[in-house]
């Protein structure tokens, strides 16, 4: 059997359209939704990363929460809600 590779035609959609769709999909699939940005130290170019999937283990979550707690004075925040 020959595998046929399908290429999806990508249309340029705005970030404000894409993010809500990705968030709704991640929540519906009980997946993690992570948004972070990075600045290249050499070029100063900023990149935004939006990731979904089973990404965060309980150990990683504990480390992130500790990091946020240590950086609250610098403006770091976390919001926690019960999920039903």
PDB file of N, CA and C in Angstrom:
ATOM      1  N   UNK A   1       0.842  -1.172   0.000  1.00  0.00           N
ATOM      2  CA  UNK A   1       0.000   0.000   0.000  1.00  0.00           C
ATOM      3  C   UNK A   1       0.885   1.232   0.000  1.00  0.00           C
ATOM      4  N   UNK A   2       0.603   2.154  -0.850  1.00  0.00           N
ATOM      5  CA  UNK A   2       1.363   3.377  -0.967  1.00  0.00           C
ATOM      6  C   UNK A   2       0.721   4.460  -0.108  1.00  0.00           C
ATOM      7  N   UNK A   3       1.551   5.097   0.690  1.00  0.00           N
ATOM      8  CA  UNK A   3       1.046   6.196   1.508  1.00  0.00           C
ATOM      9  C   UNK A   3       1.076   7.478   0.700  1.00  0.00           C
ATOM     10  N   UNK A   4      -0.014   8.186   0.734  1.00  0.00           N
ATOM     11  CA  UNK A   4      -0.097   9.462   0.036  1.00  0.00           C
ATOM     12  C   UNK A   4      -0.010  10.562   1.071  1.00  0.00           C
ATOM     13  N   UNK A   5       0.952  11.412   0.898  1.00  0.00           N
ATOM     14  CA  UNK A   5       1.146  12.509   1.826  1.00  0.00           C
ATOM     15  C   UNK A   5       0.275  13.679   1.400  1.00  0.00           C
ATOM     16  N   UNK A   6      -0.616  14.074   2.298  1.00  0.00           N
ATOM     17  CA  UNK A   6      -1.497  15.187   1.985  1.00  0.00           C
ATOM     18  C   UNK A   6      -0.878  16.472   2.507  1.00  0.00           C
ATOM     19  N   UNK A   7      -0.892  17.483   1.699  1.00  0.00           N
ATOM     20  CA  UNK A   7      -0.388  18.793   2.092  1.00  0.00           C
ATOM     21  C   UNK A   7      -1.574  19.711   2.324  1.00  0.00           C
ATOM     22  N   UNK A   8      -1.604  20.254   3.500  1.00  0.00           N
ATOM     23  CA  UNK A   8      -2.674  21.178   3.831  1.00  0.00           C
ATOM     24  C   UNK A   8      -2.291  22.565   3.343  1.00  0.00           C
ATOM     25  N   UNK A   9      -3.191  23.191   2.623  1.00  0.00           N
ATOM     26  CA  UNK A   9      -2.957  24.556   2.171  1.00  0.00           C
ATOM     27  C   UNK A   9      -3.199  25.462   3.368  1.00  0.00           C
ATOM     28  N   UNK A  10      -2.188  26.198   3.749  1.00  0.00           N
ATOM     29  CA  UNK A  10      -2.300  27.067   4.911  1.00  0.00           C
ATOM     30  C   UNK A  10      -2.637  28.478   4.470  1.00  0.00           C
ATOM     31  N   UNK A  11      -3.677  28.970   5.077  1.00  0.00           N
ATOM     32  CA  UNK A  11      -4.017  30.361   4.840  1.00  0.00           C
ATOM     33  C   UNK A  11      -3.519  31.150   6.040  1.00  0.00           C
ATOM     34  N   UNK A  12      -3.112  32.330   5.810  1.00  0.00           N
ATOM     35  CA  UNK A  12      -2.578  33.170   6.867  1.00  0.00           C
ATOM     36  C   UNK A  12      -3.749  33.704   7.689  1.00  0.00           C
ATOM     37  N   UNK A  13      -3.927  33.153   8.895  1.00  0.00           N
ATOM     38  CA  UNK A  13      -4.977  33.631   9.787  1.00  0.00           C
ATOM     39  C   UNK A  13      -4.327  34.418  10.901  1.00  0.00           C
ATOM     40  N   UNK A  14      -5.082  35.333  11.451  1.00  0.00           N
ATOM     41  CA  UNK A  14      -4.525  36.178  12.499  1.00  0.00           C
ATOM     42  C   UNK A  14      -4.407  35.395  13.797  1.00  0.00           C
ATOM     43  N   UNK A  15      -3.519  35.848  14.633  1.00  0.00           N
ATOM     44  CA  UNK A  15      -3.303  35.215  15.922  1.00  0.00           C
ATOM     45  C   UNK A  15      -4.557  35.292  16.782  1.00  0.00           C
ATOM     46  N   UNK A  16      -5.279  36.391  16.693  1.00  0.00           N
ATOM     47  CA  UNK A  16      -6.493  36.535  17.495  1.00  0.00           C
ATOM     48  C   UNK A  16      -7.588  35.568  17.058  1.00  0.00           C
ATOM     49  N   UNK A  17      -7.534  35.086  15.833  1.00  0.00           N
ATOM     50  CA  UNK A  17      -8.479  34.064  15.379  1.00  0.00           C
ATOM     51  C   UNK A  17      -8.010  32.667  15.753  1.00  0.00           C
ATOM     52  N   UNK A  18      -6.722  32.430  15.685  1.00  0.00           N
ATOM     53  CA  UNK A  18      -6.162  31.102  15.906  1.00  0.00           C
ATOM     54  C   UNK A  18      -6.138  30.698  17.376  1.00  0.00           C
ATOM     55  N   UNK A  19      -5.738  31.609  18.267  1.00  0.00           N
ATOM     56  CA  UNK A  19      -5.592  31.263  19.682  1.00  0.00           C
ATOM     57  C   UNK A  19      -6.873  30.753  20.330  1.00  0.00           C
ATOM     58  N   UNK A  20      -8.007  31.433  20.176  1.00  0.00           N
ATOM     59  CA  UNK A  20      -9.219  30.908  20.811  1.00  0.00           C
ATOM     60  C   UNK A  20      -9.597  29.514  20.317  1.00  0.00           C
ATOM     61  N   UNK A  21      -9.427  29.276  19.023  1.00  0.00           N
ATOM     62  CA  UNK A  21      -9.744  27.957  18.463  1.00  0.00           C
ATOM     63  C   UNK A  21      -8.834  26.889  19.068  1.00  0.00           C
ATOM     64  N   UNK A  22      -7.550  27.201  19.187  1.00  0.00           N
ATOM     65  CA  UNK A  22      -6.611  26.240  19.773  1.00  0.00           C
ATOM     66  C   UNK A  22      -6.932  25.981  21.242  1.00  0.00           C
ATOM     67  N   UNK A  23      -7.289  27.027  21.983  1.00  0.00           N
ATOM     68  CA  UNK A  23      -7.626  26.883  23.396  1.00  0.00           C
ATOM     69  C   UNK A  23      -8.870  26.019  23.570  1.00  0.00           C
ATOM     70  N   UNK A  24      -9.907  26.287  22.801  1.00  0.00           N
ATOM     71  CA  UNK A  24     -11.142  25.499  22.895  1.00  0.00           C
ATOM     72  C   UNK A  24     -10.861  24.031  22.568  1.00  0.00           C
ATOM     73  N   UNK A  25     -10.072  23.792  21.545  1.00  0.00           N
ATOM     74  CA  UNK A  25      -9.725  22.429  21.157  1.00  0.00           C
ATOM     75  C   UNK A  25      -8.934  21.726  22.263  1.00  0.00           C
ATOM     76  N   UNK A  26      -7.962  22.425  22.842  1.00  0.00           N
ATOM     77  CA  UNK A  26      -7.148  21.828  23.911  1.00  0.00           C
ATOM     78  C   UNK A  26      -8.010  21.492  25.128  1.00  0.00           C
ATOM     79  N   UNK A  27      -8.898  22.401  25.503  1.00  0.00           N
ATOM     80  CA  UNK A  27      -9.771  22.141  26.649  1.00  0.00           C
ATOM     81  C   UNK A  27     -10.707  20.969  26.370  1.00  0.00           C
ATOM     82  N   UNK A  28     -11.262  20.911  25.165  1.00  0.00           N
ATOM     83  CA  UNK A  28     -12.176  19.826  24.803  1.00  0.00           C
ATOM     84  C   UNK A  28     -11.470  18.474  24.824  1.00  0.00           C
ATOM     85  N   UNK A  29     -10.180  18.472  24.482  1.00  0.00           N
ATOM     86  CA  UNK A  29      -9.409  17.224  24.429  1.00  0.00           C
ATOM     87  C   UNK A  29      -8.613  16.955  25.702  1.00  0.00           C
ATOM     88  N   UNK A  30      -8.848  17.758  26.739  1.00  0.00           N
ATOM     89  CA  UNK A  30      -8.139  17.629  28.013  1.00  0.00           C
ATOM     90  C   UNK A  30      -6.625  17.678  27.821  1.00  0.00           C
ATOM     91  N   UNK A  31      -6.192  18.629  27.005  1.00  0.00           N
ATOM     92  CA  UNK A  31      -4.767  18.812  26.715  1.00  0.00           C
ATOM     93  C   UNK A  31      -4.269  20.097  27.362  1.00  0.00           C
ATOM     94  N   UNK A  32      -2.964  20.219  27.447  1.00  0.00           N
ATOM     95  CA  UNK A  32      -2.341  21.432  27.941  1.00  0.00           C
ATOM     96  C   UNK A  32      -2.342  22.482  26.833  1.00  0.00           C
ATOM     97  N   UNK A  33      -2.350  23.732  27.246  1.00  0.00           N
ATOM     98  CA  UNK A  33      -2.291  24.863  26.323  1.00  0.00           C
ATOM     99  C   UNK A  33      -1.237  25.802  26.879  1.00  0.00           C
ATOM    100  N   UNK A  34      -0.145  25.961  26.174  1.00  0.00           N
ATOM    101  CA  UNK A  34       0.986  26.747  26.658  1.00  0.00           C
ATOM    102  C   UNK A  34       1.307  27.847  25.651  1.00  0.00           C
ATOM    103  N   UNK A  35       1.432  29.062  26.158  1.00  0.00           N
ATOM    104  CA  UNK A  35       1.845  30.192  25.324  1.00  0.00           C
ATOM    105  C   UNK A  35       3.067  30.801  25.989  1.00  0.00           C
ATOM    106  N   UNK A  36       4.119  30.965  25.241  1.00  0.00           N
ATOM    107  CA  UNK A  36       5.331  31.579  25.778  1.00  0.00           C
ATOM    108  C   UNK A  36       6.043  32.337  24.663  1.00  0.00           C
ATOM    109  N   UNK A  37       6.879  33.247  25.053  1.00  0.00           N
ATOM    110  CA  UNK A  37       7.643  33.979  24.046  1.00  0.00           C
ATOM    111  C   UNK A  37       9.126  33.927  24.398  1.00  0.00           C
ATOM    112  N   UNK A  38       9.933  34.157  23.391  1.00  0.00           N
ATOM    113  CA  UNK A  38      11.385  34.077  23.543  1.00  0.00           C
ATOM    114  C   UNK A  38      11.997  35.205  22.716  1.00  0.00           C
ATOM    115  N   UNK A  39      13.021  35.816  23.261  1.00  0.00           N
ATOM    116  CA  UNK A  39      13.770  36.837  22.540  1.00  0.00           C
ATOM    117  C   UNK A  39      15.169  36.296  22.278  1.00  0.00           C
ATOM    118  N   UNK A  40      15.546  36.268  21.019  1.00  0.00           N
ATOM    119  CA  UNK A  40      16.880  35.816  20.656  1.00  0.00           C
ATOM    120  C   UNK A  40      17.887  36.832  21.192  1.00  0.00           C
ATOM    121  N   UNK A  41      18.847  36.389  22.003  1.00  0.00           N
ATOM    122  CA  UNK A  41      19.798  37.328  22.602  1.00  0.00           C
ATOM    123  C   UNK A  41      20.674  38.062  21.585  1.00  0.00           C
ATOM    124  N   UNK A  42      20.931  37.435  20.441  1.00  0.00           N
ATOM    125  CA  UNK A  42      21.799  38.057  19.439  1.00  0.00           C
ATOM    126  C   UNK A  42      21.042  39.018  18.526  1.00  0.00           C
ATOM    127  N   UNK A  43      19.916  38.556  17.987  1.00  0.00           N
ATOM    128  CA  UNK A  43      19.186  39.366  17.018  1.00  0.00           C
ATOM    129  C   UNK A  43      18.081  40.209  17.653  1.00  0.00           C
ATOM    130  N   UNK A  44      17.734  39.900  18.898  1.00  0.00           N
ATOM    131  CA  UNK A  44      16.636  40.563  19.625  1.00  0.00           C
ATOM    132  C   UNK A  44      15.278  40.290  18.978  1.00  0.00           C
ATOM    133  N   UNK A  45      15.224  39.318  18.068  1.00  0.00           N
ATOM    134  CA  UNK A  45      13.975  38.940  17.423  1.00  0.00           C
ATOM    135  C   UNK A  45      13.125  38.157  18.420  1.00  0.00           C
ATOM    136  N   UNK A  46      11.837  38.520  18.499  1.00  0.00           N
ATOM    137  CA  UNK A  46      10.925  37.842  19.411  1.00  0.00           C
ATOM    138  C   UNK A  46      10.140  36.780  18.664  1.00  0.00           C
ATOM    139  N   UNK A  47       9.970  35.636  19.304  1.00  0.00           N
ATOM    140  CA  UNK A  47       9.176  34.547  18.743  1.00  0.00           C
ATOM    141  C   UNK A  47       8.127  34.139  19.756  1.00  0.00           C
ATOM    142  N   UNK A  48       6.935  33.859  19.281  1.00  0.00           N
ATOM    143  CA  UNK A  48       5.837  33.399  20.118  1.00  0.00           C
ATOM    144  C   UNK A  48       5.626  31.920  19.850  1.00  0.00           C
ATOM    145  N   UNK A  49       5.495  31.144  20.906  1.00  0.00           N
ATOM    146  CA  UNK A  49       5.250  29.712  20.788  1.00  0.00           C
ATOM    147  C   UNK A  49       3.900  29.404  21.416  1.00  0.00           C
ATOM    148  N   UNK A  50       3.029  28.745  20.669  1.00  0.00           N
ATOM    149  CA  UNK A  50       1.744  28.283  21.180  1.00  0.00           C
ATOM    150  C   UNK A  50       1.740  26.776  20.992  1.00  0.00           C
ATOM    151  N   UNK A  51       1.592  26.054  22.107  1.00  0.00           N
ATOM    152  CA  UNK A  51       1.716  24.602  22.066  1.00  0.00           C
ATOM    153  C   UNK A  51       0.512  23.949  22.727  1.00  0.00           C
ATOM    154  N   UNK A  52       0.044  22.862  22.150  1.00  0.00           N
ATOM    155  CA  UNK A  52      -1.019  22.078  22.760  1.00  0.00           C
ATOM    156  C   UNK A  52      -0.606  20.619  22.757  1.00  0.00           C
ATOM    157  N   UNK A  53      -1.188  19.861  23.649  1.00  0.00           N
ATOM    158  CA  UNK A  53      -0.882  18.438  23.749  1.00  0.00           C
ATOM    159  C   UNK A  53      -0.698  18.059  25.202  1.00  0.00           C
ATOM    160  N   UNK A  54      -0.259  16.857  25.433  1.00  0.00           N
ATOM    161  CA  UNK A  54       0.029  16.392  26.786  1.00  0.00           C
ATOM    162  C   UNK A  54       1.473  16.762  27.092  1.00  0.00           C
ATOM    163  N   UNK A  55       1.671  17.983  27.570  1.00  0.00           N
ATOM    164  CA  UNK A  55       3.006  18.554  27.694  1.00  0.00           C
ATOM    165  C   UNK A  55       3.507  18.663  29.129  1.00  0.00           C
ATOM    166  N   UNK A  56       2.639  18.984  30.048  1.00  0.00           N
ATOM    167  CA  UNK A  56       3.050  19.338  31.402  1.00  0.00           C
ATOM    168  C   UNK A  56       2.784  18.185  32.362  1.00  0.00           C
ATOM    169  N   UNK A  57       3.849  17.648  32.935  1.00  0.00           N
ATOM    170  CA  UNK A  57       3.723  16.614  33.951  1.00  0.00           C
ATOM    171  C   UNK A  57       3.477  17.289  35.302  1.00  0.00           C
ATOM    172  N   UNK A  58       2.997  16.552  36.296  1.00  0.00           N
ATOM    173  CA  UNK A  58       2.812  17.146  37.618  1.00  0.00           C
ATOM    174  C   UNK A  58       4.104  17.753  38.184  1.00  0.00           C
ATOM    175  N   UNK A  59       5.232  17.142  37.887  1.00  0.00           N
ATOM    176  CA  UNK A  59       6.515  17.659  38.378  1.00  0.00           C
ATOM    177  C   UNK A  59       6.864  18.996  37.718  1.00  0.00           C
ATOM    178  N   UNK A  60       6.659  19.084  36.417  1.00  0.00           N
ATOM    179  CA  UNK A  60       6.945  20.334  35.704  1.00  0.00           C
ATOM    180  C   UNK A  60       6.000  21.431  36.178  1.00  0.00           C
ATOM    181  N   UNK A  61       4.728  21.089  36.380  1.00  0.00           N
ATOM    182  CA  UNK A  61       3.762  22.069  36.870  1.00  0.00           C
ATOM    183  C   UNK A  61       4.179  22.607  38.233  1.00  0.00           C
ATOM    184  N   UNK A  62       4.647  21.739  39.123  1.00  0.00           N
ATOM    185  CA  UNK A  62       5.097  22.176  40.446  1.00  0.00           C
ATOM    186  C   UNK A  62       6.276  23.140  40.326  1.00  0.00           C
ATOM    187  N   UNK A  63       7.209  22.845  39.414  1.00  0.00           N
ATOM    188  CA  UNK A  63       8.356  23.736  39.208  1.00  0.00           C
ATOM    189  C   UNK A  63       7.927  25.096  38.656  1.00  0.00           C
ATOM    190  N   UNK A  64       6.992  25.092  37.715  1.00  0.00           N
ATOM    191  CA  UNK A  64       6.506  26.347  37.142  1.00  0.00           C
ATOM    192  C   UNK A  64       5.800  27.169  38.218  1.00  0.00           C
ATOM    193  N   UNK A  65       4.977  26.524  39.027  1.00  0.00           N
ATOM    194  CA  UNK A  65       4.261  27.237  40.086  1.00  0.00           C
ATOM    195  C   UNK A  65       5.243  27.844  41.088  1.00  0.00           C
ATOM    196  N   UNK A  66       6.306  27.121  41.425  1.00  0.00           N
ATOM    197  CA  UNK A  66       7.338  27.662  42.327  1.00  0.00           C
ATOM    198  C   UNK A  66       8.015  28.872  41.699  1.00  0.00           C
ATOM    199  N   UNK A  67       8.322  28.774  40.429  1.00  0.00           N
ATOM    200  CA  UNK A  67       8.972  29.880  39.716  1.00  0.00           C
ATOM    201  C   UNK A  67       8.090  31.120  39.720  1.00  0.00           C
ATOM    202  N   UNK A  68       6.813  30.935  39.485  1.00  0.00           N
ATOM    203  CA  UNK A  68       5.872  32.062  39.495  1.00  0.00           C
ATOM    204  C   UNK A  68       5.808  32.669  40.887  1.00  0.00           C
ATOM    205  N   UNK A  69       5.763  31.834  41.903  1.00  0.00           N
ATOM    206  CA  UNK A  69       5.709  32.319  43.285  1.00  0.00           C
ATOM    207  C   UNK A  69       6.940  33.169  43.612  1.00  0.00           C
ATOM    208  N   UNK A  70       8.109  32.760  43.143  1.00  0.00           N
ATOM    209  CA  UNK A  70       9.353  33.500  43.400  1.00  0.00           C
ATOM    210  C   UNK A  70       9.404  34.820  42.631  1.00  0.00           C
ATOM    211  N   UNK A  71       8.671  34.899  41.525  1.00  0.00           N
ATOM    212  CA  UNK A  71       8.753  36.084  40.671  1.00  0.00           C
ATOM    213  C   UNK A  71       7.505  36.971  40.749  1.00  0.00           C
ATOM    214  N   UNK A  72       6.706  36.791  41.792  1.00  0.00           N
ATOM    215  CA  UNK A  72       5.490  37.606  41.925  1.00  0.00           C
ATOM    216  C   UNK A  72       5.816  39.090  42.023  1.00  0.00           C
ATOM    217  N   UNK A  73       6.909  39.431  42.676  1.00  0.00           N
ATOM    218  CA  UNK A  73       7.291  40.837  42.810  1.00  0.00           C
ATOM    219  C   UNK A  73       7.636  41.457  41.450  1.00  0.00           C
ATOM    220  N   UNK A  74       8.021  40.613  40.495  1.00  0.00           N
ATOM    221  CA  UNK A  74       8.356  41.086  39.148  1.00  0.00           C
ATOM    222  C   UNK A  74       7.128  41.114  38.240  1.00  0.00           C
ATOM    223  N   UNK A  75       5.976  40.731  38.773  1.00  0.00           N
ATOM    224  CA  UNK A  75       4.746  40.790  37.995  1.00  0.00           C
ATOM    225  C   UNK A  75       4.216  39.462  37.498  1.00  0.00           C
ATOM    226  N   UNK A  76       4.838  38.352  37.872  1.00  0.00           N
ATOM    227  CA  UNK A  76       4.339  37.046  37.433  1.00  0.00           C
ATOM    228  C   UNK A  76       3.014  36.741  38.125  1.00  0.00           C
ATOM    229  N   UNK A  77       2.096  36.149  37.377  1.00  0.00           N
ATOM    230  CA  UNK A  77       0.795  35.797  37.934  1.00  0.00           C
ATOM    231  C   UNK A  77       0.384  34.409  37.486  1.00  0.00           C
ATOM    232  N   UNK A  78      -0.496  33.825  38.259  1.00  0.00           N
ATOM    233  CA  UNK A  78      -1.074  32.532  37.916  1.00  0.00           C
ATOM    234  C   UNK A  78      -2.529  32.568  38.348  1.00  0.00           C
ATOM    235  N   UNK A  79      -3.403  31.988  37.556  1.00  0.00           N
ATOM    236  CA  UNK A  79      -4.809  31.896  37.883  1.00  0.00           C
ATOM    237  C   UNK A  79      -5.155  30.421  37.938  1.00  0.00           C
ATOM    238  N   UNK A  80      -5.782  29.999  39.028  1.00  0.00           N
ATOM    239  CA  UNK A  80      -6.160  28.602  39.196  1.00  0.00           C
ATOM    240  C   UNK A  80      -7.662  28.529  39.411  1.00  0.00           C
ATOM    241  N   UNK A  81      -8.321  27.661  38.677  1.00  0.00           N
ATOM    242  CA  UNK A  81      -9.761  27.440  38.811  1.00  0.00           C
ATOM    243  C   UNK A  81     -10.029  25.949  38.857  1.00  0.00           C
ATOM    244  N   UNK A  82     -11.106  25.575  39.550  1.00  0.00           N
ATOM    245  CA  UNK A  82     -11.532  24.182  39.529  1.00  0.00           C
ATOM    246  C   UNK A  82     -12.074  23.861  38.142  1.00  0.00           C
ATOM    247  N   UNK A  83     -11.833  22.655  37.690  1.00  0.00           N
ATOM    248  CA  UNK A  83     -12.294  22.226  36.369  1.00  0.00           C
ATOM    249  C   UNK A  83     -13.262  21.085  36.554  1.00  0.00           C
ATOM    250  N   UNK A  84     -14.425  21.218  35.982  1.00  0.00           N
ATOM    251  CA  UNK A  84     -15.437  20.162  36.108  1.00  0.00           C
ATOM    252  C   UNK A  84     -15.676  19.509  34.781  1.00  0.00           C
TER     253      UNK A  84
END
